[in-house]
Every structure is written in structure tokens, then in C-alpha cells.
Amino acid sequence: MRAVHGDHGPRSGPLTPPIAQTATFAFSSSAEMRRYLDGDPALYLYTRYANPTLDELERALAALEGEDEDDLAADIEQALAAG
């Protein structure tokens, strides 16, 4: 079940998350931009830094591996560096 749903468990709506098909994101106000600059994880600026699709993938992989998302990201970076 975890391989399909990650750590969410069953939910209504589409089974797969939507794919963010954009390179940049817009802010609706300067206050929203300030929230992004202050580190609000729900806001995005540029897809190379982060996007909702990648966040969902990181959560699903972390659930499969039984790790924290940050630990998983470090493991992936280490594996890529090792070649």
C-alpha cells in the first residue's frame, strides 16, 4: 500500500499527483513573495529549486525507504556523487 499511496494512505480524487509543467511560479502579492523568502515550503519560485511534483516524489520515496525526506535527499546526493 505504501508503494502506491506513500505515507498518505488512501485518499479521494486522482491517484497520482498533478505534474507541475512549468519552470517558474508567480506570486499573487508581495506578502506571498515575503513568505517564500522566509522559507514557506508551500510556495515555489523556480522548478530547479523545488516544485510540487518533486516534493511529492520525495515524500513517497522517503515513505518507501522509511526515512526522513531530508535524510533521503542527502542519500541520493551521496549516491550520485559516488557515481
PDB file of N, CA and C in Angstrom:
ATOM      1  N   MET A   1       0.830  -1.198   0.000  1.00  0.00           N
ATOM      2  CA  MET A   1       0.000   0.000   0.000  1.00  0.00           C
ATOM      3  C   MET A   1       0.875   1.264   0.000  1.00  0.00           C
ATOM      4  N   ARG A   2       1.983   1.238   0.735  1.00  0.00           N
ATOM      5  CA  ARG A   2       2.855   2.405   0.816  1.00  0.00           C
ATOM      6  C   ARG A   2       3.463   2.747  -0.542  1.00  0.00           C
ATOM      7  N   ALA A   3       3.705   1.724  -1.382  1.00  0.00           N
ATOM      8  CA  ALA A   3       4.298   1.953  -2.700  1.00  0.00           C
ATOM      9  C   ALA A   3       3.359   2.746  -3.600  1.00  0.00           C
ATOM     10  N   VAL A   4       2.060   2.652  -3.351  1.00  0.00           N
ATOM     11  CA  VAL A   4       1.083   3.368  -4.167  1.00  0.00           C
ATOM     12  C   VAL A   4       0.724   4.715  -3.547  1.00  0.00           C
ATOM     13  N   HIS A   5       0.514   4.731  -2.251  1.00  0.00           N
ATOM     14  CA  HIS A   5      -0.006   5.927  -1.595  1.00  0.00           C
ATOM     15  C   HIS A   5       1.034   6.721  -0.807  1.00  0.00           C
ATOM     16  N   GLY A   6       2.272   6.241  -0.727  1.00  0.00           N
ATOM     17  CA  GLY A   6       3.254   6.919   0.108  1.00  0.00           C
ATOM     18  C   GLY A   6       2.818   6.855   1.546  1.00  0.00           C
ATOM     19  N   ASP A   7       2.972   7.919   2.290  1.00  0.00           N
ATOM     20  CA  ASP A   7       2.526   7.910   3.684  1.00  0.00           C
ATOM     21  C   ASP A   7       1.164   8.579   3.853  1.00  0.00           C
ATOM     22  N   HIS A   8       0.474   8.850   2.733  1.00  0.00           N
ATOM     23  CA  HIS A   8      -0.836   9.496   2.791  1.00  0.00           C
ATOM     24  C   HIS A   8      -1.939   8.541   3.201  1.00  0.00           C
ATOM     25  N   GLY A   9      -1.844   7.288   2.765  1.00  0.00           N
ATOM     26  CA  GLY A   9      -2.963   6.379   2.893  1.00  0.00           C
ATOM     27  C   GLY A   9      -3.946   6.689   1.770  1.00  0.00           C
ATOM     28  N   PRO A  10      -4.979   5.889   1.640  1.00  0.00           N
ATOM     29  CA  PRO A  10      -5.953   6.129   0.562  1.00  0.00           C
ATOM     30  C   PRO A  10      -6.580   7.515   0.690  1.00  0.00           C
ATOM     31  N   ARG A  11      -6.839   8.141  -0.435  1.00  0.00           N
ATOM     32  CA  ARG A  11      -7.489   9.454  -0.445  1.00  0.00           C
ATOM     33  C   ARG A  11      -8.399   9.541  -1.655  1.00  0.00           C
ATOM     34  N   SER A  12      -9.340  10.422  -1.604  1.00  0.00           N
ATOM     35  CA  SER A  12     -10.246  10.590  -2.739  1.00  0.00           C
ATOM     36  C   SER A  12      -9.583  11.457  -3.789  1.00  0.00           C
ATOM     37  N   GLY A  13     -10.084  11.395  -5.000  1.00  0.00           N
ATOM     38  CA  GLY A  13      -9.522  12.193  -6.088  1.00  0.00           C
ATOM     39  C   GLY A  13      -8.550  11.376  -6.910  1.00  0.00           C
ATOM     40  N   PRO A  14      -7.730  12.034  -7.701  1.00  0.00           N
ATOM     41  CA  PRO A  14      -6.801  11.310  -8.567  1.00  0.00           C
ATOM     42  C   PRO A  14      -5.781  10.519  -7.742  1.00  0.00           C
ATOM     43  N   LEU A  15      -5.409   9.358  -8.245  1.00  0.00           N
ATOM     44  CA  LEU A  15      -4.445   8.511  -7.547  1.00  0.00           C
ATOM     45  C   LEU A  15      -3.046   9.112  -7.595  1.00  0.00           C
ATOM     46  N   THR A  16      -2.696   9.700  -8.729  1.00  0.00           N
ATOM     47  CA  THR A  16      -1.374  10.298  -8.874  1.00  0.00           C
ATOM     48  C   THR A  16      -1.468  11.810  -8.695  1.00  0.00           C
ATOM     49  N   PRO A  17      -0.412  12.424  -8.170  1.00  0.00           N
ATOM     50  CA  PRO A  17      -0.436  13.881  -8.010  1.00  0.00           C
ATOM     51  C   PRO A  17      -0.307  14.559  -9.372  1.00  0.00           C
ATOM     52  N   PRO A  18      -0.790  15.785  -9.487  1.00  0.00           N
ATOM     53  CA  PRO A  18      -0.624  16.503 -10.750  1.00  0.00           C
ATOM     54  C   PRO A  18       0.851  16.799 -11.008  1.00  0.00           C
ATOM     55  N   ILE A  19       1.224  16.868 -12.263  1.00  0.00           N
ATOM     56  CA  ILE A  19       2.602  17.179 -12.642  1.00  0.00           C
ATOM     57  C   ILE A  19       2.706  18.680 -12.907  1.00  0.00           C
ATOM     58  N   ALA A  20       3.640  19.343 -12.228  1.00  0.00           N
ATOM     59  CA  ALA A  20       3.854  20.780 -12.433  1.00  0.00           C
ATOM     60  C   ALA A  20       4.637  20.954 -13.733  1.00  0.00           C
ATOM     61  N   GLN A  21       3.962  21.395 -14.773  1.00  0.00           N
ATOM     62  CA  GLN A  21       4.602  21.570 -16.079  1.00  0.00           C
ATOM     63  C   GLN A  21       4.937  23.036 -16.304  1.00  0.00           C
ATOM     64  N   THR A  22       5.803  23.547 -15.455  1.00  0.00           N
ATOM     65  CA  THR A  22       6.211  24.936 -15.551  1.00  0.00           C
ATOM     66  C   THR A  22       7.625  25.084 -15.024  1.00  0.00           C
ATOM     67  N   ALA A  23       8.323  26.086 -15.482  1.00  0.00           N
ATOM     68  CA  ALA A  23       9.669  26.352 -14.979  1.00  0.00           C
ATOM     69  C   ALA A  23       9.636  27.408 -13.879  1.00  0.00           C
ATOM     70  N   THR A  24       8.691  28.341 -13.975  1.00  0.00           N
ATOM     71  CA  THR A  24       8.623  29.413 -12.991  1.00  0.00           C
ATOM     72  C   THR A  24       7.229  29.478 -12.383  1.00  0.00           C
ATOM     73  N   PHE A  25       7.163  30.058 -11.198  1.00  0.00           N
ATOM     74  CA  PHE A  25       5.900  30.223 -10.484  1.00  0.00           C
ATOM     75  C   PHE A  25       5.725  31.704 -10.178  1.00  0.00           C
ATOM     76  N   ALA A  26       4.495  32.157 -10.110  1.00  0.00           N
ATOM     77  CA  ALA A  26       4.203  33.569  -9.839  1.00  0.00           C
ATOM     78  C   ALA A  26       3.645  33.714  -8.423  1.00  0.00           C
ATOM     79  N   PHE A  27       3.889  34.856  -7.831  1.00  0.00           N
ATOM     80  CA  PHE A  27       3.333  35.188  -6.523  1.00  0.00           C
ATOM     81  C   PHE A  27       2.140  36.100  -6.724  1.00  0.00           C
ATOM     82  N   SER A  28       1.120  35.936  -5.886  1.00  0.00           N
ATOM     83  CA  SER A  28      -0.077  36.763  -6.025  1.00  0.00           C
ATOM     84  C   SER A  28       0.075  38.125  -5.354  1.00  0.00           C
ATOM     85  N   SER A  29       1.087  38.271  -4.511  1.00  0.00           N
ATOM     86  CA  SER A  29       1.286  39.554  -3.824  1.00  0.00           C
ATOM     87  C   SER A  29       2.722  39.626  -3.294  1.00  0.00           C
ATOM     88  N   SER A  30       3.106  40.808  -2.866  1.00  0.00           N
ATOM     89  CA  SER A  30       4.434  40.959  -2.274  1.00  0.00           C
ATOM     90  C   SER A  30       4.497  40.239  -0.929  1.00  0.00           C
ATOM     91  N   ALA A  31       3.369  40.139  -0.242  1.00  0.00           N
ATOM     92  CA  ALA A  31       3.334  39.410   1.029  1.00  0.00           C
ATOM     93  C   ALA A  31       3.603  37.923   0.799  1.00  0.00           C
ATOM     94  N   GLU A  32       3.067  37.394  -0.295  1.00  0.00           N
ATOM     95  CA  GLU A  32       3.321  35.994  -0.620  1.00  0.00           C
ATOM     96  C   GLU A  32       4.797  35.783  -0.972  1.00  0.00           C
ATOM     97  N   MET A  33       5.382  36.730  -1.682  1.00  0.00           N
ATOM     98  CA  MET A  33       6.808  36.636  -2.003  1.00  0.00           C
ATOM     99  C   MET A  33       7.633  36.673  -0.719  1.00  0.00           C
ATOM    100  N   ARG A  34       7.253  37.509   0.218  1.00  0.00           N
ATOM    101  CA  ARG A  34       7.955  37.584   1.501  1.00  0.00           C
ATOM    102  C   ARG A  34       7.867  36.241   2.220  1.00  0.00           C
ATOM    103  N   ARG A  35       6.697  35.595   2.182  1.00  0.00           N
ATOM    104  CA  ARG A  35       6.550  34.268   2.789  1.00  0.00           C
ATOM    105  C   ARG A  35       7.497  33.266   2.139  1.00  0.00           C
ATOM    106  N   TYR A  36       7.636  33.333   0.808  1.00  0.00           N
ATOM    107  CA  TYR A  36       8.569  32.449   0.105  1.00  0.00           C
ATOM    108  C   TYR A  36      10.002  32.706   0.586  1.00  0.00           C
ATOM    109  N   LEU A  37      10.377  33.982   0.653  1.00  0.00           N
ATOM    110  CA  LEU A  37      11.728  34.342   1.075  1.00  0.00           C
ATOM    111  C   LEU A  37      11.996  33.949   2.529  1.00  0.00           C
ATOM    112  N   ASP A  38      10.932  33.898   3.330  1.00  0.00           N
ATOM    113  CA  ASP A  38      11.066  33.482   4.725  1.00  0.00           C
ATOM    114  C   ASP A  38      11.076  31.964   4.873  1.00  0.00           C
ATOM    115  N   GLY A  39      10.930  31.248   3.750  1.00  0.00           N
ATOM    116  CA  GLY A  39      11.071  29.792   3.786  1.00  0.00           C
ATOM    117  C   GLY A  39       9.783  28.993   3.807  1.00  0.00           C
ATOM    118  N   ASP A  40       8.662  29.579   3.418  1.00  0.00           N
ATOM    119  CA  ASP A  40       7.400  28.841   3.383  1.00  0.00           C
ATOM    120  C   ASP A  40       7.510  27.685   2.383  1.00  0.00           C
ATOM    121  N   PRO A  41       7.449  26.434   2.833  1.00  0.00           N
ATOM    122  CA  PRO A  41       7.636  25.296   1.933  1.00  0.00           C
ATOM    123  C   PRO A  41       6.472  25.067   0.966  1.00  0.00           C
ATOM    124  N   ALA A  42       5.370  25.762   1.151  1.00  0.00           N
ATOM    125  CA  ALA A  42       4.220  25.597   0.261  1.00  0.00           C
ATOM    126  C   ALA A  42       4.304  26.489  -0.978  1.00  0.00           C
ATOM    127  N   LEU A  43       5.318  27.360  -1.032  1.00  0.00           N
ATOM    128  CA  LEU A  43       5.461  28.284  -2.162  1.00  0.00           C
ATOM    129  C   LEU A  43       6.689  27.922  -2.991  1.00  0.00           C
ATOM    130  N   TYR A  44       6.609  28.185  -4.277  1.00  0.00           N
ATOM    131  CA  TYR A  44       7.676  27.826  -5.208  1.00  0.00           C
ATOM    132  C   TYR A  44       8.021  29.031  -6.079  1.00  0.00           C
ATOM    133  N   LEU A  45       9.284  29.092  -6.532  1.00  0.00           N
ATOM    134  CA  LEU A  45       9.733  30.170  -7.400  1.00  0.00           C
ATOM    135  C   LEU A  45      10.192  29.631  -8.747  1.00  0.00           C
ATOM    136  N   TYR A  46      11.084  28.648  -8.716  1.00  0.00           N
ATOM    137  CA  TYR A  46      11.696  28.139  -9.940  1.00  0.00           C
ATOM    138  C   TYR A  46      11.813  26.627  -9.801  1.00  0.00           C
ATOM    139  N   THR A  47      11.414  25.902 -10.829  1.00  0.00           N
ATOM    140  CA  THR A  47      11.284  24.453 -10.711  1.00  0.00           C
ATOM    141  C   THR A  47      12.600  23.723 -10.462  1.00  0.00           C
ATOM    142  N   ARG A  48      13.741  24.331 -10.798  1.00  0.00           N
ATOM    143  CA  ARG A  48      15.020  23.675 -10.492  1.00  0.00           C
ATOM    144  C   ARG A  48      15.300  23.667  -8.993  1.00  0.00           C
ATOM    145  N   TYR A  49      14.718  24.615  -8.264  1.00  0.00           N
ATOM    146  CA  TYR A  49      14.903  24.653  -6.809  1.00  0.00           C
ATOM    147  C   TYR A  49      13.949  23.675  -6.140  1.00  0.00           C
ATOM    148  N   ALA A  50      12.705  23.702  -6.530  1.00  0.00           N
ATOM    149  CA  ALA A  50      11.673  22.830  -5.960  1.00  0.00           C
ATOM    150  C   ALA A  50      10.386  23.035  -6.739  1.00  0.00           C
ATOM    151  N   ASN A  51       9.546  22.011  -6.735  1.00  0.00           N
ATOM    152  CA  ASN A  51       8.212  22.148  -7.286  1.00  0.00           C
ATOM    153  C   ASN A  51       7.317  21.103  -6.642  1.00  0.00           C
ATOM    154  N   PRO A  52       5.997  21.236  -6.747  1.00  0.00           N
ATOM    155  CA  PRO A  52       5.095  20.319  -6.054  1.00  0.00           C
ATOM    156  C   PRO A  52       5.279  18.857  -6.475  1.00  0.00           C
ATOM    157  N   THR A  53       5.606  18.616  -7.725  1.00  0.00           N
ATOM    158  CA  THR A  53       5.791  17.249  -8.206  1.00  0.00           C
ATOM    159  C   THR A  53       7.006  16.607  -7.546  1.00  0.00           C
ATOM    160  N   LEU A  54       8.116  17.329  -7.480  1.00  0.00           N
ATOM    161  CA  LEU A  54       9.317  16.804  -6.836  1.00  0.00           C
ATOM    162  C   LEU A  54       9.107  16.604  -5.338  1.00  0.00           C
ATOM    163  N   ASP A  55       8.379  17.512  -4.707  1.00  0.00           N
ATOM    164  CA  ASP A  55       8.094  17.360  -3.279  1.00  0.00           C
ATOM    165  C   ASP A  55       7.297  16.082  -3.021  1.00  0.00           C
ATOM    166  N   GLU A  56       6.315  15.807  -3.871  1.00  0.00           N
ATOM    167  CA  GLU A  56       5.507  14.599  -3.725  1.00  0.00           C
ATOM    168  C   GLU A  56       6.381  13.354  -3.925  1.00  0.00           C
ATOM    169  N   LEU A  57       7.272  13.387  -4.913  1.00  0.00           N
ATOM    170  CA  LEU A  57       8.181  12.265  -5.147  1.00  0.00           C
ATOM    171  C   LEU A  57       9.084  12.038  -3.930  1.00  0.00           C
ATOM    172  N   GLU A  58       9.633  13.108  -3.373  1.00  0.00           N
ATOM    173  CA  GLU A  58      10.496  12.974  -2.202  1.00  0.00           C
ATOM    174  C   GLU A  58       9.745  12.373  -1.026  1.00  0.00           C
ATOM    175  N   ARG A  59       8.483  12.791  -0.816  1.00  0.00           N
ATOM    176  CA  ARG A  59       7.683  12.232   0.276  1.00  0.00           C
ATOM    177  C   ARG A  59       7.418  10.745   0.055  1.00  0.00           C
ATOM    178  N   ALA A  60       7.087  10.376  -1.194  1.00  0.00           N
ATOM    179  CA  ALA A  60       6.792   8.972  -1.496  1.00  0.00           C
ATOM    180  C   ALA A  60       8.037   8.101  -1.323  1.00  0.00           C
ATOM    181  N   LEU A  61       9.188   8.563  -1.825  1.00  0.00           N
ATOM    182  CA  LEU A  61      10.419   7.790  -1.681  1.00  0.00           C
ATOM    183  C   LEU A  61      10.843   7.678  -0.213  1.00  0.00           C
ATOM    184  N   ALA A  62      10.681   8.759   0.532  1.00  0.00           N
ATOM    185  CA  ALA A  62      11.026   8.719   1.956  1.00  0.00           C
ATOM    186  C   ALA A  62      10.130   7.722   2.690  1.00  0.00           C
ATOM    187  N   ALA A  63       8.853   7.668   2.332  1.00  0.00           N
ATOM    188  CA  ALA A  63       7.943   6.709   2.964  1.00  0.00           C
ATOM    189  C   ALA A  63       8.346   5.279   2.628  1.00  0.00           C
ATOM    190  N   LEU A  64       8.735   5.041   1.379  1.00  0.00           N
ATOM    191  CA  LEU A  64       9.175   3.705   0.981  1.00  0.00           C
ATOM    192  C   LEU A  64      10.452   3.281   1.702  1.00  0.00           C
ATOM    193  N   GLU A  65      11.366   4.219   1.867  1.00  0.00           N
ATOM    194  CA  GLU A  65      12.647   3.920   2.495  1.00  0.00           C
ATOM    195  C   GLU A  65      12.580   3.984   4.017  1.00  0.00           C
ATOM    196  N   GLY A  66      11.470   4.519   4.535  1.00  0.00           N
ATOM    197  CA  GLY A  66      11.348   4.664   5.986  1.00  0.00           C
ATOM    198  C   GLY A  66      12.289   5.715   6.540  1.00  0.00           C
ATOM    199  N   GLU A  67      12.568   6.734   5.756  1.00  0.00           N
ATOM    200  CA  GLU A  67      13.490   7.793   6.156  1.00  0.00           C
ATOM    201  C   GLU A  67      12.807   9.145   6.146  1.00  0.00           C
ATOM    202  N   ASP A  68      13.455  10.105   6.774  1.00  0.00           N
ATOM    203  CA  ASP A  68      13.048  11.498   6.708  1.00  0.00           C
ATOM    204  C   ASP A  68      13.378  12.022   5.313  1.00  0.00           C
ATOM    205  N   GLU A  69      12.576  12.945   4.800  1.00  0.00           N
ATOM    206  CA  GLU A  69      12.811  13.484   3.446  1.00  0.00           C
ATOM    207  C   GLU A  69      14.200  14.100   3.309  1.00  0.00           C
ATOM    208  N   ASP A  70      14.668  14.806   4.327  1.00  0.00           N
ATOM    209  CA  ASP A  70      15.989  15.432   4.262  1.00  0.00           C
ATOM    210  C   ASP A  70      17.091  14.381   4.220  1.00  0.00           C
ATOM    211  N   ASP A  71      16.942  13.310   5.014  1.00  0.00           N
ATOM    212  CA  ASP A  71      17.935  12.240   5.002  1.00  0.00           C
ATOM    213  C   ASP A  71      17.970  11.552   3.647  1.00  0.00           C
ATOM    214  N   LEU A  72      16.801  11.359   3.046  1.00  0.00           N
ATOM    215  CA  LEU A  72      16.735  10.710   1.745  1.00  0.00           C
ATOM    216  C   LEU A  72      17.433  11.564   0.685  1.00  0.00           C
ATOM    217  N   ALA A  73      17.196  12.872   0.711  1.00  0.00           N
ATOM    218  CA  ALA A  73      17.834  13.765  -0.261  1.00  0.00           C
ATOM    219  C   ALA A  73      19.355  13.694  -0.127  1.00  0.00           C
ATOM    220  N   ALA A  74      19.846  13.648   1.092  1.00  0.00           N
ATOM    221  CA  ALA A  74      21.296  13.557   1.308  1.00  0.00           C
ATOM    222  C   ALA A  74      21.828  12.223   0.784  1.00  0.00           C
ATOM    223  N   ASP A  75      21.075  11.133   0.993  1.00  0.00           N
ATOM    224  CA  ASP A  75      21.493   9.819   0.487  1.00  0.00           C
ATOM    225  C   ASP A  75      21.565   9.810  -1.040  1.00  0.00           C
ATOM    226  N   ILE A  76      20.590  10.430  -1.679  1.00  0.00           N
ATOM    227  CA  ILE A  76      20.565  10.476  -3.138  1.00  0.00           C
ATOM    228  C   ILE A  76      21.748  11.293  -3.662  1.00  0.00           C
ATOM    229  N   GLU A  77      22.004  12.439  -3.044  1.00  0.00           N
ATOM    230  CA  GLU A  77      23.143  13.266  -3.469  1.00  0.00           C
ATOM    231  C   GLU A  77      24.458  12.515  -3.300  1.00  0.00           C
ATOM    232  N   GLN A  78      24.588  11.767  -2.200  1.00  0.00           N
ATOM    233  CA  GLN A  78      25.798  10.999  -1.959  1.00  0.00           C
ATOM    234  C   GLN A  78      25.966   9.891  -2.996  1.00  0.00           C
ATOM    235  N   ALA A  79      24.877   9.229  -3.340  1.00  0.00           N
ATOM    236  CA  ALA A  79      24.935   8.163  -4.341  1.00  0.00           C
ATOM    237  C   ALA A  79      25.297   8.721  -5.714  1.00  0.00           C
ATOM    238  N   LEU A  80      24.756   9.877  -6.057  1.00  0.00           N
ATOM    239  CA  LEU A  80      25.076  10.486  -7.357  1.00  0.00           C
ATOM    240  C   LEU A  80      26.549  10.920  -7.408  1.00  0.00           C
ATOM    241  N   ALA A  81      27.048  11.440  -6.305  1.00  0.00           N
ATOM    242  CA  ALA A  81      28.437  11.881  -6.265  1.00  0.00           C
ATOM    243  C   ALA A  81      29.404  10.696  -6.369  1.00  0.00           C
ATOM    244  N   ALA A  82      28.982   9.555  -5.827  1.00  0.00           N
ATOM    245  CA  ALA A  82      29.833   8.355  -5.873  1.00  0.00           C
ATOM    246  C   ALA A  82      29.902   7.758  -7.262  1.00  0.00           C
ATOM    247  N   GLY A  83      28.905   8.101  -8.091  1.00  0.00           N
ATOM    248  CA  GLY A  83      28.908   7.661  -9.482  1.00  0.00           C
ATOM    249  C   GLY A  83      28.401   6.292  -9.610  1.00  0.00           C
TER     250      GLY A  83
END
